[in-house]
């Protein structure tokens, strides 16, 4: 395994983890201030499923941050899933309320783009290798025939 790609992966995963932990803090703070199923200021316009989703992120975000180091491929997959679903989900409310330039949404979109761009690079050292013909040791007979 290439040491530079492993270090690069670790750095990318650490940045992702810090962002996920910052999101965890924001969700936990919202729960502490407004209760478990807060509507994030959207009032009656919010579906209960959205309130559950936002509260669930308080558990999913730190889980993804932990997995980024314990099980990197699973952590990267969960990070991608969380941020893509979050941006699409929140985009629905952003569109309904004309909040395209709201700081929370712009930062989520920026994080989503960074995750989509950098996750493949962070996963590179952890990809499983399929044995290639050149990886299989040659038998003595095959080596002598060449």
N, C-alpha and C. Protein backbone atom coordinates (compact mmCIF):
# COMPACT_ATOMS: atom_id res chain seq x y z
N UNK A 1 0.84 -1.17 0.00
CA UNK A 1 0.00 0.00 0.00
C UNK A 1 0.89 1.24 0.00
N UNK A 2 0.62 2.17 -0.87
CA UNK A 2 1.39 3.39 -1.00
C UNK A 2 1.17 4.29 0.22
N UNK A 3 2.25 4.66 0.86
CA UNK A 3 2.17 5.47 2.09
C UNK A 3 1.54 6.84 1.85
N UNK A 4 1.85 7.46 0.72
CA UNK A 4 1.28 8.78 0.42
C UNK A 4 -0.22 8.71 0.22
N UNK A 5 -0.70 7.69 -0.48
CA UNK A 5 -2.14 7.58 -0.69
C UNK A 5 -2.85 7.25 0.62
N UNK A 6 -2.20 6.49 1.49
CA UNK A 6 -2.77 6.18 2.79
C UNK A 6 -2.86 7.45 3.65
N UNK A 7 -1.82 8.27 3.63
CA UNK A 7 -1.83 9.53 4.37
C UNK A 7 -2.87 10.48 3.80
N UNK A 8 -2.97 10.56 2.48
CA UNK A 8 -3.97 11.41 1.82
C UNK A 8 -5.37 10.96 2.23
N UNK A 9 -5.59 9.65 2.23
CA UNK A 9 -6.89 9.11 2.62
C UNK A 9 -7.21 9.48 4.07
N UNK A 10 -6.23 9.33 4.95
CA UNK A 10 -6.43 9.66 6.36
C UNK A 10 -6.80 11.13 6.53
N UNK A 11 -6.12 12.00 5.82
CA UNK A 11 -6.40 13.44 5.91
C UNK A 11 -7.81 13.76 5.41
N UNK A 12 -8.19 13.20 4.29
CA UNK A 12 -9.55 13.42 3.75
C UNK A 12 -10.59 12.91 4.72
N UNK A 13 -10.38 11.70 5.25
CA UNK A 13 -11.34 11.12 6.18
C UNK A 13 -11.42 11.94 7.47
N UNK A 14 -10.30 12.51 7.91
CA UNK A 14 -10.30 13.36 9.12
C UNK A 14 -11.11 14.63 8.89
N UNK A 15 -10.96 15.23 7.71
CA UNK A 15 -11.75 16.43 7.39
C UNK A 15 -13.24 16.08 7.33
N UNK A 16 -13.57 14.97 6.69
CA UNK A 16 -14.96 14.52 6.64
C UNK A 16 -15.50 14.31 8.06
N UNK A 17 -14.71 13.66 8.90
CA UNK A 17 -15.14 13.37 10.27
C UNK A 17 -15.38 14.66 11.05
N UNK A 18 -14.51 15.63 10.89
CA UNK A 18 -14.70 16.92 11.58
C UNK A 18 -15.99 17.60 11.14
N UNK A 19 -16.28 17.55 9.85
CA UNK A 19 -17.52 18.14 9.34
C UNK A 19 -18.74 17.39 9.89
N UNK A 20 -18.66 16.07 9.92
CA UNK A 20 -19.77 15.27 10.46
C UNK A 20 -19.96 15.55 11.95
N UNK A 21 -18.88 15.72 12.69
CA UNK A 21 -19.00 16.00 14.11
C UNK A 21 -19.54 17.41 14.36
N UNK A 22 -19.20 18.35 13.49
CA UNK A 22 -19.79 19.69 13.59
C UNK A 22 -21.30 19.62 13.35
N UNK A 23 -21.72 18.82 12.38
CA UNK A 23 -23.15 18.63 12.11
C UNK A 23 -23.82 17.94 13.30
N UNK A 24 -23.14 16.98 13.90
CA UNK A 24 -23.67 16.32 15.09
C UNK A 24 -23.93 17.34 16.19
N UNK A 25 -22.96 18.21 16.40
CA UNK A 25 -23.09 19.25 17.42
C UNK A 25 -24.31 20.13 17.13
N UNK A 26 -24.47 20.54 15.87
CA UNK A 26 -25.62 21.39 15.51
C UNK A 26 -26.94 20.68 15.75
N UNK A 27 -27.03 19.41 15.37
CA UNK A 27 -28.28 18.67 15.59
C UNK A 27 -28.54 18.45 17.08
N UNK A 28 -27.50 18.13 17.82
CA UNK A 28 -27.65 17.92 19.27
C UNK A 28 -28.07 19.22 19.96
N UNK A 29 -27.49 20.32 19.53
CA UNK A 29 -27.85 21.63 20.09
C UNK A 29 -29.31 21.96 19.80
N UNK A 30 -29.76 21.65 18.59
CA UNK A 30 -31.16 21.89 18.22
C UNK A 30 -32.10 21.04 19.08
N UNK A 31 -31.72 19.78 19.30
CA UNK A 31 -32.54 18.90 20.13
C UNK A 31 -32.58 19.42 21.57
N UNK A 32 -31.44 19.86 22.09
CA UNK A 32 -31.39 20.37 23.46
C UNK A 32 -32.25 21.63 23.61
N UNK A 33 -32.25 22.47 22.60
CA UNK A 33 -32.99 23.74 22.68
C UNK A 33 -34.47 23.59 22.34
N UNK A 34 -34.81 22.69 21.41
CA UNK A 34 -36.18 22.66 20.87
C UNK A 34 -36.89 21.32 21.00
N UNK A 35 -36.21 20.31 21.48
CA UNK A 35 -36.83 19.00 21.61
C UNK A 35 -36.42 18.08 20.48
N UNK A 36 -36.77 16.82 20.66
CA UNK A 36 -36.31 15.76 19.76
C UNK A 36 -36.77 15.92 18.32
N UNK A 37 -37.98 16.34 18.10
CA UNK A 37 -38.50 16.41 16.73
C UNK A 37 -38.80 17.85 16.33
N UNK A 38 -37.79 18.69 16.40
CA UNK A 38 -37.95 20.10 16.05
C UNK A 38 -38.19 20.24 14.55
N UNK A 39 -38.91 21.29 14.19
CA UNK A 39 -39.25 21.53 12.78
C UNK A 39 -38.25 22.44 12.07
N UNK A 40 -37.19 22.81 12.73
CA UNK A 40 -36.14 23.69 12.19
C UNK A 40 -36.70 24.99 11.62
N UNK A 41 -37.75 25.48 12.26
CA UNK A 41 -38.31 26.76 11.90
C UNK A 41 -39.30 26.75 10.75
N UNK A 42 -39.58 25.59 10.21
CA UNK A 42 -40.50 25.51 9.07
C UNK A 42 -41.96 25.33 9.50
N UNK A 43 -42.20 25.12 10.77
CA UNK A 43 -43.56 25.04 11.29
C UNK A 43 -44.36 23.89 10.72
N UNK A 44 -45.61 24.18 10.44
CA UNK A 44 -46.55 23.16 9.95
C UNK A 44 -46.23 22.64 8.57
N UNK A 45 -45.26 23.24 7.90
CA UNK A 45 -44.87 22.82 6.55
C UNK A 45 -44.01 21.56 6.57
N UNK A 46 -43.58 21.14 7.77
CA UNK A 46 -42.64 20.03 7.87
C UNK A 46 -43.37 18.71 8.11
N UNK A 47 -42.97 17.70 7.37
CA UNK A 47 -43.48 16.35 7.58
C UNK A 47 -42.81 15.76 8.83
N UNK A 48 -43.53 14.92 9.55
CA UNK A 48 -42.95 14.28 10.74
C UNK A 48 -41.74 13.44 10.34
N UNK A 49 -41.78 12.82 9.17
CA UNK A 49 -40.64 12.02 8.70
C UNK A 49 -39.38 12.89 8.59
N UNK A 50 -39.54 14.14 8.21
CA UNK A 50 -38.39 15.05 8.13
C UNK A 50 -37.84 15.34 9.52
N UNK A 51 -38.73 15.52 10.48
CA UNK A 51 -38.29 15.76 11.85
C UNK A 51 -37.54 14.54 12.40
N UNK A 52 -38.02 13.36 12.07
CA UNK A 52 -37.34 12.14 12.49
C UNK A 52 -35.97 12.06 11.82
N UNK A 53 -35.92 12.36 10.52
CA UNK A 53 -34.66 12.33 9.78
C UNK A 53 -33.64 13.27 10.40
N UNK A 54 -34.04 14.51 10.67
CA UNK A 54 -33.11 15.47 11.25
C UNK A 54 -32.61 15.00 12.62
N UNK A 55 -33.49 14.44 13.42
CA UNK A 55 -33.07 13.93 14.73
C UNK A 55 -32.15 12.72 14.58
N UNK A 56 -32.46 11.86 13.62
CA UNK A 56 -31.65 10.66 13.39
C UNK A 56 -30.22 11.01 12.98
N UNK A 57 -30.04 12.16 12.34
CA UNK A 57 -28.69 12.58 11.95
C UNK A 57 -27.79 12.76 13.16
N UNK A 58 -28.39 13.01 14.33
CA UNK A 58 -27.60 13.16 15.56
C UNK A 58 -26.89 11.85 15.89
N UNK A 59 -27.43 10.74 15.43
CA UNK A 59 -26.79 9.43 15.63
C UNK A 59 -25.98 8.99 14.41
N UNK A 60 -26.51 9.25 13.22
CA UNK A 60 -25.85 8.78 12.00
C UNK A 60 -24.54 9.52 11.71
N UNK A 61 -24.52 10.83 11.95
CA UNK A 61 -23.30 11.60 11.66
C UNK A 61 -22.10 11.12 12.48
N UNK A 62 -22.23 10.95 13.81
CA UNK A 62 -21.05 10.46 14.55
C UNK A 62 -20.73 9.00 14.23
N UNK A 63 -21.74 8.22 13.88
CA UNK A 63 -21.48 6.84 13.47
C UNK A 63 -20.61 6.83 12.21
N UNK A 64 -20.96 7.66 11.24
CA UNK A 64 -20.16 7.75 10.01
C UNK A 64 -18.75 8.24 10.33
N UNK A 65 -18.63 9.22 11.22
CA UNK A 65 -17.31 9.74 11.59
C UNK A 65 -16.45 8.64 12.20
N UNK A 66 -17.04 7.83 13.06
CA UNK A 66 -16.30 6.72 13.67
C UNK A 66 -15.91 5.68 12.62
N UNK A 67 -16.86 5.32 11.77
CA UNK A 67 -16.59 4.31 10.75
C UNK A 67 -15.51 4.76 9.76
N UNK A 68 -15.36 6.05 9.57
CA UNK A 68 -14.32 6.54 8.65
C UNK A 68 -12.93 6.05 9.07
N UNK A 69 -12.76 5.74 10.35
CA UNK A 69 -11.46 5.27 10.84
C UNK A 69 -11.45 3.78 11.18
N UNK A 70 -12.59 3.26 11.62
CA UNK A 70 -12.66 1.86 12.01
C UNK A 70 -12.90 0.96 10.79
N UNK A 71 -13.80 1.35 9.93
CA UNK A 71 -14.14 0.65 8.69
C UNK A 71 -14.24 1.70 7.58
N UNK A 72 -13.10 2.12 7.04
CA UNK A 72 -13.08 3.26 6.12
C UNK A 72 -14.04 3.16 4.93
N UNK A 73 -14.12 2.01 4.28
CA UNK A 73 -15.04 1.92 3.13
C UNK A 73 -16.48 2.09 3.56
N UNK A 74 -16.88 1.47 4.66
CA UNK A 74 -18.24 1.63 5.17
C UNK A 74 -18.49 3.08 5.60
N UNK A 75 -17.50 3.68 6.25
CA UNK A 75 -17.62 5.08 6.68
C UNK A 75 -17.77 6.03 5.51
N UNK A 76 -17.00 5.79 4.46
CA UNK A 76 -17.12 6.64 3.27
C UNK A 76 -18.48 6.46 2.60
N UNK A 77 -18.94 5.22 2.51
CA UNK A 77 -20.24 4.96 1.91
C UNK A 77 -21.36 5.63 2.71
N UNK A 78 -21.29 5.52 4.03
CA UNK A 78 -22.31 6.14 4.87
C UNK A 78 -22.23 7.66 4.79
N UNK A 79 -21.04 8.21 4.74
CA UNK A 79 -20.87 9.66 4.61
C UNK A 79 -21.49 10.16 3.31
N UNK A 80 -21.21 9.46 2.21
CA UNK A 80 -21.80 9.84 0.92
C UNK A 80 -23.32 9.76 1.00
N UNK A 81 -23.83 8.67 1.54
CA UNK A 81 -25.29 8.51 1.63
C UNK A 81 -25.92 9.60 2.47
N UNK A 82 -25.33 9.89 3.62
CA UNK A 82 -25.89 10.91 4.51
C UNK A 82 -25.96 12.26 3.82
N UNK A 83 -24.85 12.71 3.24
CA UNK A 83 -24.83 14.07 2.72
C UNK A 83 -25.66 14.20 1.45
N UNK A 84 -25.68 13.18 0.62
CA UNK A 84 -26.51 13.26 -0.59
C UNK A 84 -27.99 13.31 -0.20
N UNK A 85 -28.41 12.42 0.68
CA UNK A 85 -29.81 12.42 1.12
C UNK A 85 -30.15 13.72 1.84
N UNK A 86 -29.23 14.21 2.66
CA UNK A 86 -29.47 15.45 3.39
C UNK A 86 -29.66 16.63 2.45
N UNK A 87 -28.81 16.75 1.45
CA UNK A 87 -28.91 17.87 0.50
C UNK A 87 -30.20 17.77 -0.31
N UNK A 88 -30.54 16.58 -0.77
CA UNK A 88 -31.78 16.41 -1.53
C UNK A 88 -32.98 16.70 -0.63
N UNK A 89 -32.97 16.12 0.55
CA UNK A 89 -34.07 16.32 1.50
C UNK A 89 -34.24 17.79 1.86
N UNK A 90 -33.15 18.43 2.28
CA UNK A 90 -33.22 19.84 2.67
C UNK A 90 -33.51 20.73 1.47
N UNK A 91 -33.08 20.29 0.29
CA UNK A 91 -33.36 21.05 -0.92
C UNK A 91 -34.86 21.24 -1.16
N UNK A 92 -35.63 20.27 -0.76
CA UNK A 92 -37.08 20.37 -0.88
C UNK A 92 -37.59 21.57 -0.08
N UNK A 93 -37.15 21.70 1.17
CA UNK A 93 -37.59 22.81 2.02
C UNK A 93 -36.97 24.13 1.58
N UNK A 94 -35.73 24.07 1.15
CA UNK A 94 -35.06 25.27 0.65
C UNK A 94 -35.80 25.82 -0.57
N UNK A 95 -36.20 24.94 -1.46
CA UNK A 95 -36.94 25.37 -2.66
C UNK A 95 -38.29 25.96 -2.28
N UNK A 96 -38.99 25.34 -1.36
CA UNK A 96 -40.32 25.82 -0.95
C UNK A 96 -40.25 27.19 -0.28
N UNK A 97 -39.10 27.51 0.33
CA UNK A 97 -38.97 28.75 1.08
C UNK A 97 -37.96 29.72 0.47
N UNK A 98 -37.48 29.43 -0.73
CA UNK A 98 -36.55 30.34 -1.43
C UNK A 98 -35.28 30.62 -0.65
N UNK A 99 -34.69 29.59 -0.07
CA UNK A 99 -33.50 29.77 0.77
C UNK A 99 -32.22 29.26 0.09
N UNK A 100 -32.14 29.38 -1.20
CA UNK A 100 -31.01 28.80 -1.95
C UNK A 100 -29.65 29.29 -1.46
N UNK A 101 -29.58 30.50 -0.96
CA UNK A 101 -28.30 31.04 -0.51
C UNK A 101 -28.15 31.04 1.01
N UNK A 102 -29.03 30.33 1.70
CA UNK A 102 -28.92 30.23 3.16
C UNK A 102 -27.61 29.53 3.51
N UNK A 103 -26.92 30.04 4.50
CA UNK A 103 -25.60 29.52 4.88
C UNK A 103 -25.63 28.02 5.14
N UNK A 104 -26.65 27.54 5.86
CA UNK A 104 -26.69 26.11 6.17
C UNK A 104 -26.75 25.27 4.90
N UNK A 105 -27.51 25.75 3.90
CA UNK A 105 -27.68 24.95 2.69
C UNK A 105 -26.45 25.05 1.79
N UNK A 106 -25.90 26.22 1.65
CA UNK A 106 -24.69 26.40 0.83
C UNK A 106 -23.55 25.55 1.40
N UNK A 107 -23.42 25.52 2.73
CA UNK A 107 -22.35 24.71 3.34
C UNK A 107 -22.60 23.22 3.14
N UNK A 108 -23.87 22.79 3.19
CA UNK A 108 -24.18 21.38 2.95
C UNK A 108 -23.87 21.00 1.50
N UNK A 109 -24.22 21.87 0.57
CA UNK A 109 -23.94 21.58 -0.84
C UNK A 109 -22.43 21.53 -1.07
N UNK A 110 -21.69 22.46 -0.47
CA UNK A 110 -20.23 22.46 -0.61
C UNK A 110 -19.63 21.17 -0.04
N UNK A 111 -20.11 20.75 1.13
CA UNK A 111 -19.62 19.51 1.72
C UNK A 111 -19.97 18.32 0.84
N UNK A 112 -21.18 18.32 0.30
CA UNK A 112 -21.60 17.23 -0.59
C UNK A 112 -20.68 17.14 -1.80
N UNK A 113 -20.39 18.27 -2.41
CA UNK A 113 -19.51 18.27 -3.59
C UNK A 113 -18.10 17.79 -3.22
N UNK A 114 -17.62 18.23 -2.06
CA UNK A 114 -16.29 17.78 -1.61
C UNK A 114 -16.28 16.28 -1.36
N UNK A 115 -17.32 15.77 -0.72
CA UNK A 115 -17.40 14.33 -0.45
C UNK A 115 -17.45 13.54 -1.75
N UNK A 116 -18.29 13.99 -2.68
CA UNK A 116 -18.40 13.27 -3.96
C UNK A 116 -17.09 13.31 -4.74
N UNK A 117 -16.38 14.42 -4.65
CA UNK A 117 -15.11 14.55 -5.38
C UNK A 117 -13.97 13.78 -4.71
N UNK A 118 -13.94 13.78 -3.39
CA UNK A 118 -12.78 13.22 -2.68
C UNK A 118 -12.96 11.81 -2.15
N UNK A 119 -14.19 11.34 -2.01
CA UNK A 119 -14.41 9.99 -1.47
C UNK A 119 -13.69 8.91 -2.28
N UNK A 120 -13.72 8.97 -3.61
CA UNK A 120 -12.99 7.93 -4.36
C UNK A 120 -11.49 7.92 -4.04
N UNK A 121 -10.92 9.09 -3.87
CA UNK A 121 -9.50 9.18 -3.54
C UNK A 121 -9.24 8.66 -2.13
N UNK A 122 -10.15 8.95 -1.21
CA UNK A 122 -10.00 8.47 0.17
C UNK A 122 -10.18 6.96 0.24
N UNK A 123 -10.96 6.39 -0.66
CA UNK A 123 -11.22 4.94 -0.65
C UNK A 123 -10.13 4.15 -1.37
N UNK A 124 -9.33 4.80 -2.17
CA UNK A 124 -8.35 4.10 -3.01
C UNK A 124 -7.49 3.09 -2.26
N UNK A 125 -6.91 3.43 -1.11
CA UNK A 125 -6.06 2.43 -0.43
C UNK A 125 -6.83 1.24 0.12
N UNK A 126 -8.16 1.34 0.17
CA UNK A 126 -8.95 0.28 0.80
C UNK A 126 -9.73 -0.55 -0.20
N UNK A 127 -9.53 -0.32 -1.47
CA UNK A 127 -10.23 -1.11 -2.48
C UNK A 127 -9.72 -2.53 -2.46
N UNK A 128 -10.64 -3.46 -2.60
CA UNK A 128 -10.22 -4.86 -2.64
C UNK A 128 -9.63 -5.14 -4.01
N UNK A 129 -8.59 -5.91 -4.00
CA UNK A 129 -7.92 -6.24 -5.26
C UNK A 129 -8.45 -7.54 -5.79
N UNK A 130 -8.71 -7.56 -7.06
CA UNK A 130 -9.07 -8.79 -7.75
C UNK A 130 -7.76 -9.35 -8.29
N UNK A 131 -7.53 -10.60 -8.06
CA UNK A 131 -6.28 -11.20 -8.52
C UNK A 131 -6.20 -11.13 -10.04
N UNK A 132 -5.15 -10.52 -10.49
CA UNK A 132 -4.89 -10.45 -11.92
C UNK A 132 -4.03 -11.64 -12.32
N UNK A 133 -4.03 -11.95 -13.60
CA UNK A 133 -3.22 -13.07 -14.08
C UNK A 133 -1.75 -12.86 -13.71
N UNK A 134 -1.30 -11.60 -13.76
CA UNK A 134 0.10 -11.32 -13.45
C UNK A 134 0.39 -11.42 -11.95
N UNK A 135 -0.67 -11.42 -11.10
CA UNK A 135 -0.49 -11.53 -9.66
C UNK A 135 -0.33 -12.98 -9.20
N UNK A 136 -0.73 -13.92 -10.02
CA UNK A 136 -0.70 -15.32 -9.64
C UNK A 136 0.71 -15.85 -9.88
N UNK A 137 1.33 -16.45 -8.86
CA UNK A 137 2.69 -16.98 -9.05
C UNK A 137 2.69 -18.08 -10.11
N UNK A 138 3.73 -18.08 -10.88
CA UNK A 138 3.85 -19.08 -11.94
C UNK A 138 4.39 -20.38 -11.36
N UNK A 139 3.91 -21.47 -11.92
CA UNK A 139 4.45 -22.76 -11.51
C UNK A 139 5.84 -22.93 -12.11
N UNK A 140 6.61 -23.88 -11.60
CA UNK A 140 7.96 -24.10 -12.13
C UNK A 140 7.91 -24.49 -13.59
N UNK A 141 6.93 -25.31 -13.97
CA UNK A 141 6.83 -25.75 -15.37
C UNK A 141 6.55 -24.57 -16.29
N UNK A 142 5.62 -23.67 -15.86
CA UNK A 142 5.26 -22.52 -16.69
C UNK A 142 6.47 -21.59 -16.82
N UNK A 143 7.17 -21.35 -15.70
CA UNK A 143 8.32 -20.48 -15.74
C UNK A 143 9.41 -21.05 -16.62
N UNK A 144 9.60 -22.36 -16.63
CA UNK A 144 10.65 -22.99 -17.46
C UNK A 144 10.27 -22.95 -18.92
N UNK A 145 8.98 -22.98 -19.24
CA UNK A 145 8.55 -22.97 -20.64
C UNK A 145 8.74 -21.62 -21.28
N UNK A 146 8.80 -20.57 -20.49
CA UNK A 146 8.93 -19.23 -21.08
C UNK A 146 10.32 -18.90 -21.47
